[in-house]
Amino acid sequence: MVAARAVTTHPMFFEIHRMGVFSARNLDVDVVFDLMIHDLDLILWMVDSPWQDVRAVGLAVLSDKVDIANARVEFKNGAVANLTASRVSTERIRKFRYFQPNEYFSIDFTRRDATLIRVDRTGPTPRLPFRN
């Protein structure tokens, strides 16, 4: 994240999934405080703008707390973040993806890797070369 933040200039759209299979751990708090809070912190660290609007929904599925939640956060500078956190998934997913002008970043916390795709406009048509 520190390396990605160093080359981030104007993040415009975030799509983040932090999901896991059900476990009896941390059932005293809902999934927002257990999982989503980490991604909210990262977004606020990366977006240089106050938030403007938040829309969210959460459901208790297997416990008496919220087990799955989705939030959409809009910022005053126009940036938007969609976050999903779940502890009732069939697989463990920790993906943090975002777009800024001419660039796409994908960070997979489970695999511990990151991908940057930058638009190459040197030719007659734009290209999307990969760089890890």
N, C-alpha and C. Protein backbone atom coordinates (compact mmCIF):
# COMPACT_ATOMS: atom_id res chain seq x y z
N MET A 1 0.82 -1.19 0.00
CA MET A 1 0.00 0.00 0.00
C MET A 1 0.86 1.25 0.00
N VAL A 2 1.95 1.22 0.71
CA VAL A 2 2.83 2.39 0.76
C VAL A 2 3.40 2.67 -0.63
N ALA A 3 3.81 1.63 -1.35
CA ALA A 3 4.34 1.80 -2.70
C ALA A 3 3.26 2.31 -3.64
N ALA A 4 2.05 1.77 -3.54
CA ALA A 4 0.96 2.24 -4.40
C ALA A 4 0.60 3.69 -4.08
N ARG A 5 0.56 4.02 -2.81
CA ARG A 5 0.22 5.40 -2.40
C ARG A 5 1.25 6.39 -2.94
N ALA A 6 2.49 5.98 -3.02
CA ALA A 6 3.56 6.87 -3.49
C ALA A 6 3.36 7.28 -4.95
N VAL A 7 2.70 6.46 -5.75
CA VAL A 7 2.48 6.79 -7.17
C VAL A 7 1.02 7.12 -7.47
N THR A 8 0.23 7.28 -6.43
CA THR A 8 -1.17 7.65 -6.59
C THR A 8 -1.29 9.17 -6.57
N THR A 9 -1.90 9.70 -7.61
CA THR A 9 -2.03 11.16 -7.71
C THR A 9 -3.46 11.65 -7.59
N HIS A 10 -4.41 10.92 -8.19
CA HIS A 10 -5.80 11.37 -8.19
C HIS A 10 -6.74 10.16 -8.27
N PRO A 11 -6.85 9.38 -7.19
CA PRO A 11 -7.74 8.22 -7.24
C PRO A 11 -9.19 8.66 -7.42
N MET A 12 -9.88 7.99 -8.35
CA MET A 12 -11.25 8.41 -8.67
C MET A 12 -12.30 7.38 -8.30
N PHE A 13 -11.94 6.08 -8.38
CA PHE A 13 -12.93 5.04 -8.13
C PHE A 13 -12.26 3.84 -7.47
N PHE A 14 -12.82 3.40 -6.36
CA PHE A 14 -12.31 2.25 -5.61
C PHE A 14 -13.35 1.14 -5.63
N GLU A 15 -12.88 -0.08 -5.78
CA GLU A 15 -13.73 -1.28 -5.67
C GLU A 15 -12.97 -2.23 -4.75
N ILE A 16 -13.53 -2.49 -3.57
CA ILE A 16 -12.80 -3.23 -2.55
C ILE A 16 -13.67 -4.36 -2.01
N HIS A 17 -13.07 -5.55 -1.95
CA HIS A 17 -13.74 -6.72 -1.38
C HIS A 17 -12.85 -7.32 -0.30
N ARG A 18 -13.39 -7.45 0.88
CA ARG A 18 -12.68 -8.10 2.00
C ARG A 18 -13.68 -9.10 2.57
N MET A 19 -13.48 -10.37 2.18
CA MET A 19 -14.46 -11.39 2.49
C MET A 19 -13.79 -12.63 3.06
N GLY A 20 -14.51 -13.33 3.90
CA GLY A 20 -13.96 -14.55 4.49
C GLY A 20 -15.05 -15.55 4.80
N VAL A 21 -14.63 -16.77 5.04
CA VAL A 21 -15.59 -17.80 5.44
C VAL A 21 -15.95 -17.60 6.91
N PHE A 22 -17.11 -18.09 7.28
CA PHE A 22 -17.60 -17.87 8.63
C PHE A 22 -16.70 -18.55 9.66
N SER A 23 -16.45 -17.82 10.73
CA SER A 23 -15.67 -18.32 11.85
C SER A 23 -16.29 -17.75 13.12
N ALA A 24 -16.12 -18.43 14.20
CA ALA A 24 -16.71 -17.98 15.47
C ALA A 24 -15.92 -16.84 16.11
N ARG A 25 -14.82 -16.42 15.49
CA ARG A 25 -14.01 -15.35 16.08
C ARG A 25 -14.66 -13.98 15.82
N ASN A 26 -14.48 -13.07 16.71
CA ASN A 26 -14.94 -11.69 16.60
C ASN A 26 -16.43 -11.54 16.36
N LEU A 27 -17.22 -12.40 16.91
CA LEU A 27 -18.67 -12.28 16.74
C LEU A 27 -19.27 -11.23 17.67
N ASP A 28 -18.43 -10.60 18.50
CA ASP A 28 -18.91 -9.55 19.38
C ASP A 28 -19.01 -8.20 18.66
N VAL A 29 -18.48 -8.10 17.42
CA VAL A 29 -18.58 -6.89 16.63
C VAL A 29 -19.09 -7.25 15.24
N ASP A 30 -19.67 -6.27 14.55
CA ASP A 30 -20.14 -6.57 13.20
C ASP A 30 -18.98 -6.51 12.21
N VAL A 31 -19.25 -6.96 10.99
CA VAL A 31 -18.21 -7.10 9.98
C VAL A 31 -17.60 -5.75 9.57
N VAL A 32 -18.32 -4.67 9.77
CA VAL A 32 -17.77 -3.34 9.46
C VAL A 32 -16.59 -3.04 10.38
N PHE A 33 -16.76 -3.28 11.66
CA PHE A 33 -15.68 -3.04 12.62
C PHE A 33 -14.61 -4.11 12.59
N ASP A 34 -14.96 -5.31 12.14
CA ASP A 34 -14.00 -6.40 12.07
C ASP A 34 -13.14 -6.34 10.80
N LEU A 35 -13.76 -6.12 9.65
CA LEU A 35 -13.03 -6.17 8.38
C LEU A 35 -13.03 -4.86 7.60
N MET A 36 -14.20 -4.26 7.39
CA MET A 36 -14.30 -3.10 6.50
C MET A 36 -13.53 -1.89 7.01
N ILE A 37 -13.37 -1.77 8.30
CA ILE A 37 -12.71 -0.61 8.88
C ILE A 37 -11.31 -0.39 8.33
N HIS A 38 -10.61 -1.49 8.02
CA HIS A 38 -9.25 -1.39 7.48
C HIS A 38 -9.25 -0.71 6.11
N ASP A 39 -10.21 -1.07 5.26
CA ASP A 39 -10.28 -0.47 3.93
C ASP A 39 -10.77 0.97 3.99
N LEU A 40 -11.67 1.27 4.90
CA LEU A 40 -12.08 2.67 5.07
C LEU A 40 -10.89 3.54 5.47
N ASP A 41 -10.07 3.03 6.37
CA ASP A 41 -8.86 3.76 6.76
C ASP A 41 -7.93 3.98 5.56
N LEU A 42 -7.74 2.96 4.75
CA LEU A 42 -6.86 3.08 3.58
C LEU A 42 -7.39 4.10 2.58
N ILE A 43 -8.69 4.08 2.33
CA ILE A 43 -9.27 5.04 1.39
C ILE A 43 -9.10 6.47 1.90
N LEU A 44 -9.39 6.69 3.15
CA LEU A 44 -9.24 8.04 3.71
C LEU A 44 -7.78 8.50 3.65
N TRP A 45 -6.84 7.57 3.76
CA TRP A 45 -5.42 7.88 3.66
C TRP A 45 -5.05 8.28 2.22
N MET A 46 -5.75 7.70 1.24
CA MET A 46 -5.39 7.91 -0.16
C MET A 46 -6.14 9.06 -0.83
N VAL A 47 -7.35 9.35 -0.41
CA VAL A 47 -8.18 10.38 -1.04
C VAL A 47 -7.99 11.69 -0.30
N ASP A 48 -7.54 12.69 -0.99
CA ASP A 48 -7.29 13.99 -0.38
C ASP A 48 -8.54 14.86 -0.47
N SER A 49 -9.59 14.41 0.19
CA SER A 49 -10.86 15.13 0.15
C SER A 49 -11.74 14.61 1.26
N PRO A 50 -12.56 15.47 1.84
CA PRO A 50 -13.51 14.98 2.84
C PRO A 50 -14.64 14.19 2.17
N TRP A 51 -15.24 13.29 2.93
CA TRP A 51 -16.37 12.54 2.37
C TRP A 51 -17.58 13.45 2.29
N GLN A 52 -18.46 13.11 1.35
CA GLN A 52 -19.66 13.91 1.12
C GLN A 52 -20.92 13.13 1.43
N ASP A 53 -20.94 11.84 1.06
CA ASP A 53 -22.13 11.03 1.25
C ASP A 53 -21.73 9.58 1.50
N VAL A 54 -22.48 8.91 2.34
CA VAL A 54 -22.27 7.48 2.61
C VAL A 54 -23.62 6.79 2.54
N ARG A 55 -23.65 5.71 1.76
CA ARG A 55 -24.84 4.86 1.70
C ARG A 55 -24.39 3.44 1.99
N ALA A 56 -25.07 2.78 2.88
CA ALA A 56 -24.62 1.46 3.29
C ALA A 56 -25.79 0.57 3.65
N VAL A 57 -25.53 -0.72 3.55
CA VAL A 57 -26.51 -1.72 3.97
C VAL A 57 -25.74 -2.88 4.59
N GLY A 58 -26.32 -3.48 5.60
CA GLY A 58 -25.71 -4.62 6.24
C GLY A 58 -26.76 -5.59 6.73
N LEU A 59 -26.41 -6.87 6.73
CA LEU A 59 -27.36 -7.90 7.14
C LEU A 59 -26.73 -8.88 8.12
N ALA A 60 -27.49 -9.28 9.10
CA ALA A 60 -27.10 -10.38 9.98
C ALA A 60 -27.55 -11.66 9.30
N VAL A 61 -26.62 -12.55 9.03
CA VAL A 61 -26.94 -13.79 8.32
C VAL A 61 -26.78 -15.00 9.23
N LEU A 62 -25.63 -15.12 9.88
CA LEU A 62 -25.36 -16.27 10.73
C LEU A 62 -25.17 -15.92 12.20
N SER A 63 -25.09 -14.65 12.49
CA SER A 63 -24.92 -14.23 13.88
C SER A 63 -25.96 -13.14 14.17
N ASP A 64 -25.92 -12.58 15.37
CA ASP A 64 -26.85 -11.50 15.68
C ASP A 64 -26.27 -10.13 15.35
N LYS A 65 -25.09 -10.10 14.73
CA LYS A 65 -24.45 -8.86 14.27
C LYS A 65 -24.47 -8.84 12.75
N VAL A 66 -24.11 -7.72 12.16
CA VAL A 66 -24.02 -7.61 10.70
C VAL A 66 -22.88 -8.50 10.21
N ASP A 67 -23.20 -9.46 9.35
CA ASP A 67 -22.21 -10.40 8.82
C ASP A 67 -21.76 -10.05 7.41
N ILE A 68 -22.56 -9.29 6.68
CA ILE A 68 -22.18 -8.84 5.34
C ILE A 68 -22.65 -7.41 5.18
N ALA A 69 -21.76 -6.57 4.62
CA ALA A 69 -22.09 -5.16 4.47
C ALA A 69 -21.52 -4.62 3.17
N ASN A 70 -22.22 -3.65 2.63
CA ASN A 70 -21.75 -2.95 1.44
C ASN A 70 -21.93 -1.46 1.70
N ALA A 71 -20.91 -0.69 1.33
CA ALA A 71 -20.98 0.76 1.52
C ALA A 71 -20.49 1.47 0.27
N ARG A 72 -21.10 2.59 -0.01
CA ARG A 72 -20.66 3.46 -1.10
C ARG A 72 -20.36 4.81 -0.46
N VAL A 73 -19.11 5.24 -0.60
CA VAL A 73 -18.67 6.50 -0.02
C VAL A 73 -18.33 7.45 -1.17
N GLU A 74 -18.94 8.62 -1.17
CA GLU A 74 -18.65 9.64 -2.18
C GLU A 74 -17.92 10.78 -1.50
N PHE A 75 -16.91 11.30 -2.19
CA PHE A 75 -16.08 12.37 -1.65
C PHE A 75 -16.37 13.68 -2.38
N LYS A 76 -16.07 14.79 -1.75
CA LYS A 76 -16.35 16.10 -2.33
C LYS A 76 -15.59 16.34 -3.63
N ASN A 77 -14.44 15.68 -3.81
CA ASN A 77 -13.68 15.87 -5.05
C ASN A 77 -14.16 14.97 -6.18
N GLY A 78 -15.23 14.19 -5.94
CA GLY A 78 -15.79 13.33 -6.97
C GLY A 78 -15.37 11.86 -6.88
N ALA A 79 -14.41 11.54 -6.06
CA ALA A 79 -13.99 10.14 -5.89
C ALA A 79 -15.13 9.33 -5.27
N VAL A 80 -15.18 8.06 -5.65
CA VAL A 80 -16.23 7.16 -5.17
C VAL A 80 -15.57 5.85 -4.73
N ALA A 81 -16.04 5.30 -3.63
CA ALA A 81 -15.52 4.02 -3.16
C ALA A 81 -16.69 3.08 -2.88
N ASN A 82 -16.61 1.88 -3.45
CA ASN A 82 -17.56 0.81 -3.16
C ASN A 82 -16.83 -0.25 -2.36
N LEU A 83 -17.34 -0.56 -1.19
CA LEU A 83 -16.69 -1.53 -0.31
C LEU A 83 -17.67 -2.64 0.04
N THR A 84 -17.19 -3.87 0.03
CA THR A 84 -17.97 -5.00 0.48
C THR A 84 -17.13 -5.77 1.49
N ALA A 85 -17.74 -6.06 2.62
CA ALA A 85 -17.08 -6.88 3.64
C ALA A 85 -18.06 -7.98 4.04
N SER A 86 -17.53 -9.19 4.16
CA SER A 86 -18.38 -10.32 4.49
C SER A 86 -17.61 -11.36 5.29
N ARG A 87 -18.27 -11.95 6.25
CA ARG A 87 -17.69 -13.10 6.93
C ARG A 87 -18.56 -14.34 6.68
N VAL A 88 -19.33 -14.29 5.59
CA VAL A 88 -20.17 -15.42 5.20
C VAL A 88 -19.93 -15.78 3.73
N SER A 89 -18.71 -15.66 3.29
CA SER A 89 -18.35 -15.97 1.92
C SER A 89 -17.90 -17.43 1.81
N THR A 90 -17.82 -17.93 0.59
CA THR A 90 -17.31 -19.30 0.38
C THR A 90 -15.81 -19.32 0.20
N GLU A 91 -15.20 -18.14 0.10
CA GLU A 91 -13.75 -18.06 -0.06
C GLU A 91 -13.21 -16.80 0.59
N ARG A 92 -11.92 -16.79 0.82
CA ARG A 92 -11.24 -15.63 1.42
C ARG A 92 -10.75 -14.73 0.30
N ILE A 93 -11.23 -13.49 0.28
CA ILE A 93 -10.86 -12.51 -0.74
C ILE A 93 -10.44 -11.24 -0.03
N ARG A 94 -9.30 -10.70 -0.45
CA ARG A 94 -8.79 -9.43 0.08
C ARG A 94 -8.28 -8.62 -1.10
N LYS A 95 -9.18 -8.00 -1.87
CA LYS A 95 -8.78 -7.25 -3.06
C LYS A 95 -9.12 -5.78 -2.91
N PHE A 96 -8.16 -4.96 -3.27
CA PHE A 96 -8.26 -3.51 -3.18
C PHE A 96 -7.90 -2.96 -4.57
N ARG A 97 -8.89 -2.49 -5.30
CA ARG A 97 -8.64 -2.00 -6.67
C ARG A 97 -9.10 -0.56 -6.78
N TYR A 98 -8.34 0.21 -7.57
CA TYR A 98 -8.76 1.59 -7.79
C TYR A 98 -8.23 2.13 -9.11
N PHE A 99 -8.92 3.16 -9.58
CA PHE A 99 -8.61 3.79 -10.85
C PHE A 99 -8.29 5.26 -10.62
N GLN A 100 -7.36 5.75 -11.41
CA GLN A 100 -7.10 7.18 -11.50
C GLN A 100 -6.87 7.46 -12.98
N PRO A 101 -6.79 8.72 -13.40
CA PRO A 101 -6.65 8.98 -14.83
C PRO A 101 -5.51 8.16 -15.45
N ASN A 102 -5.84 7.36 -16.43
CA ASN A 102 -4.91 6.56 -17.22
C ASN A 102 -4.22 5.43 -16.46
N GLU A 103 -4.69 5.08 -15.26
CA GLU A 103 -4.05 4.01 -14.49
C GLU A 103 -5.07 3.19 -13.70
N TYR A 104 -4.78 1.92 -13.56
CA TYR A 104 -5.58 1.00 -12.77
C TYR A 104 -4.63 0.24 -11.85
N PHE A 105 -4.94 0.21 -10.57
CA PHE A 105 -4.16 -0.50 -9.57
C PHE A 105 -4.99 -1.65 -9.02
N SER A 106 -4.36 -2.81 -8.85
CA SER A 106 -5.02 -3.94 -8.23
C SER A 106 -4.07 -4.52 -7.19
N ILE A 107 -4.52 -4.55 -5.96
CA ILE A 107 -3.72 -5.07 -4.86
C ILE A 107 -4.47 -6.25 -4.26
N ASP A 108 -3.80 -7.39 -4.20
CA ASP A 108 -4.38 -8.58 -3.61
C ASP A 108 -3.63 -8.88 -2.32
N PHE A 109 -4.27 -8.61 -1.20
CA PHE A 109 -3.62 -8.79 0.10
C PHE A 109 -3.44 -10.27 0.43
N THR A 110 -4.27 -11.14 -0.12
CA THR A 110 -4.12 -12.58 0.12
C THR A 110 -2.88 -13.11 -0.58
N ARG A 111 -2.72 -12.77 -1.85
CA ARG A 111 -1.55 -13.23 -2.62
C ARG A 111 -0.32 -12.37 -2.36
N ARG A 112 -0.51 -11.23 -1.73
CA ARG A 112 0.58 -10.29 -1.45
C ARG A 112 1.25 -9.82 -2.73
N ASP A 113 0.41 -9.36 -3.69
CA ASP A 113 0.96 -8.80 -4.92
C ASP A 113 0.14 -7.60 -5.37
N ALA A 114 0.72 -6.87 -6.29
CA ALA A 114 0.06 -5.68 -6.82
C ALA A 114 0.32 -5.60 -8.32
N THR A 115 -0.64 -5.06 -9.03
CA THR A 115 -0.53 -4.87 -10.47
C THR A 115 -0.89 -3.43 -10.79
N LEU A 116 -0.10 -2.83 -11.65
CA LEU A 116 -0.38 -1.49 -12.15
C LEU A 116 -0.52 -1.59 -13.66
N ILE A 117 -1.63 -1.11 -14.16
CA ILE A 117 -1.84 -1.05 -15.60
C ILE A 117 -1.93 0.43 -15.96
N ARG A 118 -1.03 0.86 -16.81
CA ARG A 118 -0.96 2.26 -17.21
C ARG A 118 -1.23 2.35 -18.72
N VAL A 119 -2.09 3.26 -19.10
CA VAL A 119 -2.41 3.45 -20.52
C VAL A 119 -1.17 4.02 -21.23
N ASP A 120 -0.80 3.36 -22.33
CA ASP A 120 0.31 3.83 -23.16
C ASP A 120 -0.29 4.52 -24.38
N ARG A 121 -0.09 5.81 -24.50
CA ARG A 121 -0.67 6.60 -25.59
C ARG A 121 0.38 7.03 -26.61
N THR A 122 1.50 6.32 -26.67
CA THR A 122 2.56 6.72 -27.61
C THR A 122 2.26 6.31 -29.04
N GLY A 123 1.39 5.37 -29.26
CA GLY A 123 1.06 4.90 -30.61
C GLY A 123 -0.24 5.51 -31.11
N PRO A 124 -0.72 5.01 -32.24
CA PRO A 124 -1.96 5.54 -32.82
C PRO A 124 -3.20 5.20 -31.99
N THR A 125 -3.16 4.11 -31.20
CA THR A 125 -4.27 3.76 -30.33
C THR A 125 -3.75 3.46 -28.93
N PRO A 126 -4.54 3.73 -27.92
CA PRO A 126 -4.09 3.44 -26.55
C PRO A 126 -3.86 1.95 -26.34
N ARG A 127 -2.83 1.62 -25.53
CA ARG A 127 -2.52 0.23 -25.18
C ARG A 127 -2.51 0.12 -23.67
N LEU A 128 -2.71 -1.11 -23.19
CA LEU A 128 -2.71 -1.38 -21.76
C LEU A 128 -1.64 -2.40 -21.42
N PRO A 129 -0.38 -2.00 -21.37
CA PRO A 129 0.67 -2.95 -20.99
C PRO A 129 0.62 -3.22 -19.48
N PHE A 130 1.03 -4.41 -19.06
CA PHE A 130 1.04 -4.80 -17.66
C PHE A 130 2.41 -4.58 -17.05
N ARG A 131 2.42 -4.16 -15.78
CA ARG A 131 3.66 -4.02 -15.01
C ARG A 131 3.37 -4.46 -13.59
N ASN A 132 4.09 -5.47 -13.09
CA ASN A 132 3.91 -5.93 -11.70
C ASN A 132 4.93 -5.30 -10.80
